[in-house]
Amino acid sequence: MNDGKNRAWTLARLALTLALAVGFLWGGYALLRSYQGSKLLLTLIAVCWGVGSVALLYFVLNEAAEALPRKAKALVLPLVFAGPALVLLFWFLVFPTLRTLVLSFMDATGTGFAGLDNFKFAFTDPVMREGFLNNLLWLVAGTGATVGLGLLIAVLADRSPFENVFKALIFMPMAISFVGASVIWKFMYAYKGEGTNVTDIGLLNAVVVAFGGQAQAWLLLPFWNNFLLILIMVWLQTGYAMVILSSAIKGIPSELLEAARVDGANEIQIFSKVIVPSIVGSIVTVSTTIMIFSLKLFDIVRVMTGGNYGTNVIANEFYMQQFTYGNSGRASAIAIVLLLAIFPVLAYNLKQFSERKAFR
C-alpha cells in the first residue's frame, strides 16, 4: 500500500513539475515575443529565461529518471545529464561534418554529383599547393618559435623578482583578437610607397631607415612576408605557452633541482636533462594546441594580405571558394582535407595522454 502511495505521489510530483516547466517555457516565450519596452530589460529577461529553461530541463529529466525502477534509473540517469550535451555536440559538430563530406562530392551548386573532382582540385591546383606549403611553414616555424620562446621566457621569468610583471606584459596580447592584432601589425609593416607625400607610419620601416636602410613593402616580399605574418602568431600565442609551461615548471620538486646542482650540473644541463624531461607532457599539449591553430589559421592572413603575394593558406582558400567564387563543392572538399590534416596531430596527442595514463 505504501509503495503504491509513494509511486502515485512521485507521478503527481512529476506531472506538476512538468506542468510548471511547460508554463515557464511558454510564458517566457510569449513575454519575449510581445514585449515592447526597454531593450536592456528585454535582454535580462531573455538571459534569465534561457538559463532557467536549461535548469528546468535538467530538473524535469532528473525527476523523470528518479521515478523509474532502480535498474532503469541506473541506466537512464547518466543520459539525463550527458544526453543534451551529446545532442548539441551531434547537431553542431557531427551533423555539419557529415553534411560537408556529402557536399565535397557534389558540384559547385551542391545539386549534381562530381565524384572526386573536388579532391583532385584540392591536391593538384597550384594555389592549393601553395596553401599546403605555407601551412607547413606555419606549422613548423610558428609552433617551434612560439613553444621555444614560451619555454625560454617561463624559465627566465621564474628566476626574476619581477616575474608577475613580465608575465603579465607577455600574456597581454592574448586579450587581443586575431583580427585586432592583425590590424595593429599592419600599421607596423606599413609602407607609404615611392613618390608619395604620405608620411611613413610603419614602425619597421622607420627603424630600417633610421639605421641607414631603405623602406620596403614588407608584405609584398614573397616568402619573407610569411615569416612576418608568423611573427604575429608568435606574439599572440607566446603568452599562452609561457603560462602553461611556467605552471609545469613550478610543479617540478625543488629537491630534484637541488640534487642536480649538488651533482655538479650547470644551468644548461639542468634545463635540458631535468626541466625539459619533467614537463614534456605539457610541452606536447601546448605544441599540439598551437599546431592545430597553425593548420586552421585564417584571420591573420585574411586581414594582412588576403592570401595574396604568396601567403595563401588552406583556410583562406576555403573562404575564397565558398564566399567569393560560390563553389560549395570545392570549399567542402578543402574543409575535409583540412580536417584530415588535423587528425594525425590529435591522434599523437591522445597517444601521449594514453601512455601517461591521463585518461585512466
Protein backbone atom coordinates (compact mmCIF):
# COMPACT_ATOMS: atom_id res chain seq x y z
CA MET A 1 0.00 0.00 0.00
CA ASN A 2 2.79 2.42 0.93
CA ASP A 3 4.65 1.62 -2.28
CA GLY A 4 1.51 2.43 -4.25
CA LYS A 5 1.06 5.73 -2.43
CA ASN A 6 4.72 6.66 -2.91
CA ARG A 7 4.52 5.87 -6.62
CA ALA A 8 1.33 7.89 -7.00
CA TRP A 9 2.90 10.80 -5.16
CA THR A 10 6.00 10.58 -7.37
CA LEU A 11 3.90 10.61 -10.53
CA ALA A 12 1.85 13.53 -9.26
CA ARG A 13 5.00 15.49 -8.42
CA LEU A 14 6.42 14.71 -11.83
CA ALA A 15 3.22 15.86 -13.55
CA LEU A 16 3.20 19.08 -11.51
CA THR A 17 6.85 19.74 -12.30
CA LEU A 18 6.26 19.13 -15.99
CA ALA A 19 3.24 21.47 -15.98
CA LEU A 20 5.25 24.21 -14.25
CA ALA A 21 8.11 23.76 -16.72
CA VAL A 22 5.81 23.99 -19.74
CA GLY A 23 4.15 27.05 -18.23
CA PHE A 24 7.50 28.71 -17.61
CA LEU A 25 8.76 27.99 -21.12
CA TRP A 26 5.58 29.09 -22.86
CA GLY A 27 5.12 32.13 -20.62
CA GLY A 28 8.68 33.30 -21.19
CA TYR A 29 8.37 32.82 -24.95
CA ALA A 30 5.08 34.74 -25.04
CA LEU A 31 6.54 37.57 -22.94
CA LEU A 32 9.64 37.92 -25.12
CA ARG A 33 7.56 37.87 -28.28
CA SER A 34 5.16 40.58 -27.17
CA TYR A 35 7.43 42.77 -25.02
CA GLN A 36 7.90 46.30 -26.39
CA GLY A 37 9.76 48.01 -23.54
CA SER A 38 13.43 48.62 -22.73
CA LYS A 39 15.87 46.54 -24.73
CA LEU A 40 18.15 46.20 -21.69
CA LEU A 41 15.30 44.74 -19.64
CA LEU A 42 14.36 42.53 -22.58
CA THR A 43 17.94 41.20 -22.66
CA LEU A 44 17.91 40.48 -18.92
CA ILE A 45 14.58 38.66 -19.23
CA ALA A 46 15.89 36.61 -22.17
CA VAL A 47 19.03 35.60 -20.26
CA CYS A 48 17.07 34.64 -17.13
CA TRP A 49 14.53 32.75 -19.22
CA GLY A 50 17.23 30.90 -21.15
CA VAL A 51 19.21 29.89 -18.06
CA GLY A 52 16.05 28.98 -16.19
CA SER A 53 14.83 26.87 -19.12
CA VAL A 54 18.05 24.84 -19.15
CA ALA A 55 17.88 24.35 -15.37
CA LEU A 56 14.25 23.27 -15.64
CA LEU A 57 15.11 20.85 -18.44
CA TYR A 58 17.64 19.05 -16.28
CA PHE A 59 15.35 19.17 -13.22
CA VAL A 60 12.39 17.63 -15.08
CA LEU A 61 14.56 14.94 -16.68
CA ASN A 62 16.09 14.14 -13.31
CA GLU A 63 12.64 13.85 -11.72
CA ALA A 64 11.55 11.52 -14.51
CA ALA A 65 14.66 9.37 -14.04
CA GLU A 66 14.15 9.22 -10.28
CA ALA A 67 10.64 7.85 -10.82
CA LEU A 68 11.97 4.80 -12.69
CA PRO A 69 12.84 1.44 -11.10
CA ARG A 70 16.35 1.14 -9.71
CA LYS A 71 17.95 -0.74 -12.63
CA ALA A 72 16.37 1.51 -15.23
CA LYS A 73 17.33 4.56 -13.19
CA ALA A 74 21.00 3.48 -13.16
CA LEU A 75 20.95 3.37 -16.98
CA VAL A 76 18.88 6.48 -17.64
CA LEU A 77 20.29 8.91 -15.06
CA PRO A 78 23.71 9.35 -16.75
CA LEU A 79 21.91 10.06 -20.04
CA VAL A 80 19.84 12.76 -18.35
CA PHE A 81 22.93 14.90 -17.78
CA ALA A 82 25.07 13.80 -20.74
CA GLY A 83 22.20 13.44 -23.23
CA PRO A 84 21.53 17.14 -24.01
CA ALA A 85 25.26 17.82 -24.39
CA LEU A 86 25.59 14.84 -26.75
CA VAL A 87 22.60 16.03 -28.79
CA LEU A 88 24.12 19.52 -29.12
CA LEU A 89 27.50 18.00 -29.99
CA PHE A 90 25.94 15.91 -32.75
CA TRP A 91 23.81 18.75 -34.09
CA PHE A 92 26.52 21.42 -34.17
CA LEU A 93 29.61 19.26 -34.88
CA VAL A 94 28.92 15.76 -36.19
CA PHE A 95 25.97 16.59 -38.45
CA PRO A 96 27.71 19.59 -40.16
CA THR A 97 30.80 17.42 -40.70
CA LEU A 98 28.75 14.70 -42.37
CA ARG A 99 26.93 17.28 -44.50
CA THR A 100 30.25 18.81 -45.54
CA LEU A 101 31.52 15.35 -46.50
CA VAL A 102 28.47 14.82 -48.72
CA LEU A 103 28.86 18.26 -50.34
CA SER A 104 32.53 17.56 -51.09
CA PHE A 105 31.39 15.03 -53.72
CA MET A 106 28.91 17.46 -55.29
CA ASP A 107 29.30 20.18 -57.91
CA ALA A 108 29.59 23.93 -57.28
CA THR A 109 25.86 24.31 -56.61
CA GLY A 110 25.64 21.25 -54.36
CA THR A 111 22.99 19.60 -56.56
CA GLY A 112 24.94 17.41 -59.02
CA PHE A 113 27.41 14.59 -58.30
CA ALA A 114 31.03 15.50 -59.12
CA GLY A 115 32.86 12.42 -57.86
CA LEU A 116 36.45 13.04 -56.81
CA ASP A 117 36.90 16.17 -58.94
CA ASN A 118 36.85 18.47 -55.93
CA PHE A 119 39.52 16.44 -54.12
CA LYS A 120 41.58 16.35 -57.32
CA PHE A 121 41.45 20.15 -57.33
CA ALA A 122 42.42 20.26 -53.64
CA PHE A 123 45.60 18.27 -54.22
CA THR A 124 46.67 19.39 -57.71
CA ASP A 125 45.73 23.07 -58.06
CA PRO A 126 48.80 25.38 -57.83
CA VAL A 127 47.01 27.70 -55.40
CA MET A 128 46.23 24.77 -53.11
CA ARG A 129 49.82 23.53 -53.27
CA GLU A 130 50.94 26.99 -52.22
CA GLY A 131 48.48 26.85 -49.33
CA PHE A 132 49.77 23.46 -48.18
CA LEU A 133 53.38 24.65 -48.24
CA ASN A 134 52.53 27.82 -46.35
CA ASN A 135 50.57 25.88 -43.74
CA LEU A 136 53.56 23.58 -43.33
CA LEU A 137 55.75 26.63 -42.81
CA TRP A 138 53.33 27.97 -40.19
CA LEU A 139 53.22 24.53 -38.57
CA VAL A 140 56.99 24.20 -38.21
CA ALA A 141 58.25 27.75 -37.80
CA GLY A 142 55.24 29.15 -35.93
CA THR A 143 54.86 26.29 -33.48
CA GLY A 144 58.61 25.94 -32.91
CA ALA A 145 59.13 29.66 -32.28
CA THR A 146 56.07 30.01 -30.03
CA VAL A 147 56.78 26.98 -27.84
CA GLY A 148 60.52 27.64 -27.72
CA LEU A 149 60.11 31.29 -26.80
CA GLY A 150 57.37 30.48 -24.29
CA LEU A 151 59.57 27.89 -22.60
CA LEU A 152 62.57 30.22 -22.51
CA ILE A 153 60.55 33.07 -21.00
CA ALA A 154 58.93 30.71 -18.47
CA VAL A 155 62.36 29.56 -17.24
CA LEU A 156 63.88 33.04 -17.12
CA ALA A 157 60.83 34.75 -15.58
CA ASP A 158 60.71 32.12 -12.86
CA ARG A 159 64.05 33.43 -11.56
CA SER A 160 63.20 37.12 -11.69
CA PRO A 161 61.86 39.16 -8.77
CA PHE A 162 59.56 40.88 -11.28
CA GLU A 163 58.11 37.60 -12.54
CA ASN A 164 54.45 38.66 -12.32
CA VAL A 165 55.09 41.94 -14.17
CA PHE A 166 56.99 40.27 -17.03
CA LYS A 167 54.41 37.51 -17.38
CA ALA A 168 51.53 39.98 -17.39
CA LEU A 169 53.16 42.02 -20.18
CA ILE A 170 53.89 38.95 -22.29
CA PHE A 171 50.44 37.46 -21.72
CA MET A 172 48.66 40.75 -22.52
CA PRO A 173 48.44 40.17 -26.32
CA MET A 174 46.23 37.15 -25.59
CA ALA A 175 43.47 39.63 -24.74
CA ILE A 176 43.53 40.96 -28.33
CA SER A 177 41.58 39.22 -31.07
CA PHE A 178 43.45 37.88 -34.08
CA VAL A 179 41.78 40.45 -36.30
CA GLY A 180 42.69 43.29 -33.92
CA ALA A 181 46.27 42.10 -33.68
CA SER A 182 46.48 41.90 -37.48
CA VAL A 183 45.31 45.50 -37.81
CA ILE A 184 47.96 46.59 -35.29
CA TRP A 185 50.73 44.77 -37.11
CA LYS A 186 49.53 46.05 -40.47
CA PHE A 187 50.47 49.51 -39.23
CA MET A 188 53.82 48.10 -38.07
CA TYR A 189 54.59 46.91 -41.61
CA ALA A 190 53.01 49.90 -43.38
CA TYR A 191 54.81 51.28 -46.43
CA LYS A 192 54.00 54.66 -48.00
CA GLY A 193 55.32 53.84 -51.48
CA GLU A 194 57.77 55.68 -53.70
CA GLY A 195 56.98 59.17 -54.90
CA THR A 196 54.15 59.82 -52.44
CA ASN A 197 53.72 62.58 -49.90
CA VAL A 198 52.13 60.30 -47.31
CA THR A 199 54.01 60.06 -44.03
CA ASP A 200 55.54 56.62 -43.50
CA ILE A 201 53.90 55.35 -40.29
CA GLY A 202 55.34 51.82 -40.44
CA LEU A 203 57.48 51.18 -37.36
CA LEU A 204 59.61 48.57 -39.10
CA ASN A 205 60.41 50.91 -41.98
CA ALA A 206 61.15 53.72 -39.52
CA VAL A 207 63.72 51.53 -37.76
CA VAL A 208 65.26 50.40 -41.06
CA VAL A 209 65.53 53.98 -42.36
CA ALA A 210 66.97 55.18 -39.03
CA PHE A 211 69.84 52.70 -39.44
CA GLY A 212 70.53 53.82 -43.00
CA GLY A 213 68.46 51.22 -44.84
CA GLN A 214 65.70 51.62 -47.39
CA ALA A 215 61.97 51.29 -46.69
CA GLN A 216 60.33 48.18 -48.10
CA ALA A 217 56.83 46.98 -48.86
CA TRP A 218 57.33 44.08 -46.45
CA LEU A 219 54.04 42.32 -47.07
CA LEU A 220 54.74 42.19 -50.81
CA LEU A 221 58.05 40.31 -50.46
CA PRO A 222 57.39 36.64 -51.34
CA PHE A 223 58.48 34.01 -48.82
CA TRP A 224 59.76 36.52 -46.24
CA ASN A 225 56.30 38.01 -45.84
CA ASN A 226 55.16 34.63 -44.50
CA PHE A 227 57.64 34.91 -41.64
CA LEU A 228 56.40 38.42 -40.91
CA LEU A 229 52.87 37.03 -40.61
CA ILE A 230 54.09 34.13 -38.45
CA LEU A 231 55.62 36.71 -36.13
CA ILE A 232 52.10 37.94 -35.33
CA MET A 233 51.05 34.46 -34.21
CA VAL A 234 54.18 34.14 -32.10
CA TRP A 235 53.41 37.50 -30.47
CA LEU A 236 49.86 36.39 -29.71
CA GLN A 237 50.45 32.81 -28.56
CA THR A 238 53.74 33.04 -26.66
CA GLY A 239 51.87 34.20 -23.54
CA TYR A 240 49.69 31.09 -23.64
CA ALA A 241 52.70 28.79 -23.98
CA MET A 242 54.55 30.66 -21.23
CA VAL A 243 51.70 30.36 -18.70
CA ILE A 244 51.14 26.62 -19.24
CA LEU A 245 54.86 25.76 -19.22
CA SER A 246 55.56 28.02 -16.24
CA SER A 247 52.91 26.17 -14.23
CA ALA A 248 54.51 22.86 -15.21
CA ILE A 249 57.97 24.10 -14.21
CA LYS A 250 56.71 25.20 -10.80
CA GLY A 251 55.42 21.66 -10.32
CA ILE A 252 58.95 20.20 -10.50
CA PRO A 253 60.12 19.30 -6.97
CA SER A 254 62.79 21.73 -5.77
CA GLU A 255 64.69 18.79 -4.25
CA LEU A 256 65.21 17.38 -7.76
CA LEU A 257 66.78 20.62 -8.97
CA GLU A 258 68.95 20.93 -5.85
CA ALA A 259 70.15 17.37 -6.26
CA ALA A 260 71.21 18.10 -9.83
CA ARG A 261 73.16 21.16 -8.68
CA VAL A 262 74.85 19.17 -5.92
CA ASP A 263 75.91 16.59 -8.53
CA GLY A 264 77.68 19.39 -10.41
CA ALA A 265 75.20 20.05 -13.21
CA ASN A 266 75.27 23.56 -14.66
CA GLU A 267 72.12 25.53 -15.52
CA ILE A 268 72.07 24.42 -19.15
CA GLN A 269 72.33 20.76 -18.12
CA ILE A 270 69.59 21.22 -15.51
CA PHE A 271 67.38 22.75 -18.18
CA SER A 272 67.99 20.05 -20.79
CA LYS A 273 68.31 16.98 -18.54
CA VAL A 274 65.88 17.79 -15.71
CA ILE A 275 63.38 20.53 -16.55
CA VAL A 276 62.50 19.57 -20.13
CA PRO A 277 62.05 15.80 -19.46
CA SER A 278 59.89 16.65 -16.42
CA ILE A 279 57.47 18.84 -18.38
CA VAL A 280 57.47 17.02 -21.72
CA GLY A 281 53.75 16.25 -21.31
CA SER A 282 52.93 19.95 -21.02
CA ILE A 283 55.19 20.76 -23.97
CA VAL A 284 53.32 18.20 -26.11
CA THR A 285 49.96 19.63 -25.06
CA VAL A 286 50.96 23.23 -25.83
CA SER A 287 52.61 22.24 -29.11
CA THR A 288 49.53 20.30 -30.21
CA THR A 289 47.22 23.22 -29.49
CA ILE A 290 49.37 25.66 -31.45
CA MET A 291 49.87 23.18 -34.30
CA ILE A 292 46.10 22.83 -34.70
CA PHE A 293 45.78 26.61 -34.72
CA SER A 294 48.52 26.81 -37.39
CA LEU A 295 46.72 24.32 -39.61
CA LYS A 296 43.37 26.13 -39.48
CA LEU A 297 44.82 29.64 -39.47
CA PHE A 298 42.70 32.21 -41.28
CA ASP A 299 42.29 35.59 -39.54
CA ILE A 300 45.84 36.89 -39.79
CA VAL A 301 46.32 36.05 -43.46
CA ARG A 302 42.89 37.32 -44.43
CA VAL A 303 43.36 40.72 -42.77
CA MET A 304 47.01 41.28 -43.67
CA THR A 305 47.28 40.15 -47.29
CA GLY A 306 44.03 38.43 -48.28
CA GLY A 307 46.14 35.43 -49.27
CA ASN A 308 47.98 37.37 -51.99
CA TYR A 309 51.73 37.71 -52.62
CA GLY A 310 52.44 34.05 -51.87
CA THR A 311 50.83 33.99 -48.40
CA ASN A 312 47.71 31.94 -49.10
CA VAL A 313 46.75 29.17 -46.64
CA ILE A 314 44.21 26.35 -46.77
CA ALA A 315 41.53 28.02 -44.65
CA ASN A 316 41.70 31.21 -46.69
CA GLU A 317 41.29 29.27 -49.93
CA PHE A 318 38.25 27.56 -48.41
CA TYR A 319 36.81 31.02 -47.69
CA MET A 320 37.54 32.18 -51.24
CA GLN A 321 35.95 29.12 -52.85
CA GLN A 322 32.80 29.35 -50.73
CA PHE A 323 32.12 33.06 -50.38
CA THR A 324 33.93 34.63 -53.36
CA TYR A 325 33.61 32.00 -56.11
CA GLY A 326 30.43 30.37 -54.76
CA ASN A 327 31.79 26.84 -55.24
CA SER A 328 30.45 24.88 -52.28
CA GLY A 329 31.79 21.58 -53.61
CA ARG A 330 35.41 22.66 -53.70
CA ALA A 331 35.05 24.52 -50.42
CA SER A 332 33.68 21.41 -48.72
CA ALA A 333 36.49 19.25 -50.12
CA ILE A 334 39.07 21.72 -48.78
CA ALA A 335 37.36 21.65 -45.37
CA ILE A 336 37.52 17.83 -45.32
CA VAL A 337 41.20 17.89 -46.31
CA LEU A 338 41.90 20.36 -43.52
CA LEU A 339 40.04 18.15 -41.05
CA LEU A 340 42.07 15.11 -42.16
CA ALA A 341 45.27 17.12 -41.77
CA ILE A 342 44.42 17.83 -38.13
CA PHE A 343 43.66 14.19 -37.28
CA PRO A 344 47.31 12.98 -37.03
CA VAL A 345 48.09 15.78 -34.57
CA LEU A 346 45.10 14.87 -32.43
CA ALA A 347 45.93 11.15 -32.62
CA TYR A 348 49.50 11.78 -31.47
CA ASN A 349 48.29 13.94 -28.61
CA LEU A 350 45.80 11.30 -27.45
CA LYS A 351 48.52 8.65 -27.69
CA GLN A 352 50.77 10.71 -25.44
CA PHE A 353 47.99 11.18 -22.90
CA SER A 354 47.17 7.47 -23.00
CA GLU A 355 50.79 6.48 -22.38
CA ARG A 356 50.88 8.78 -19.34
CA LYS A 357 47.61 7.31 -18.08
CA ALA A 358 45.95 10.71 -18.25
CA PHE A 359 42.59 9.14 -19.09
CA ARG A 360 42.78 6.21 -16.66
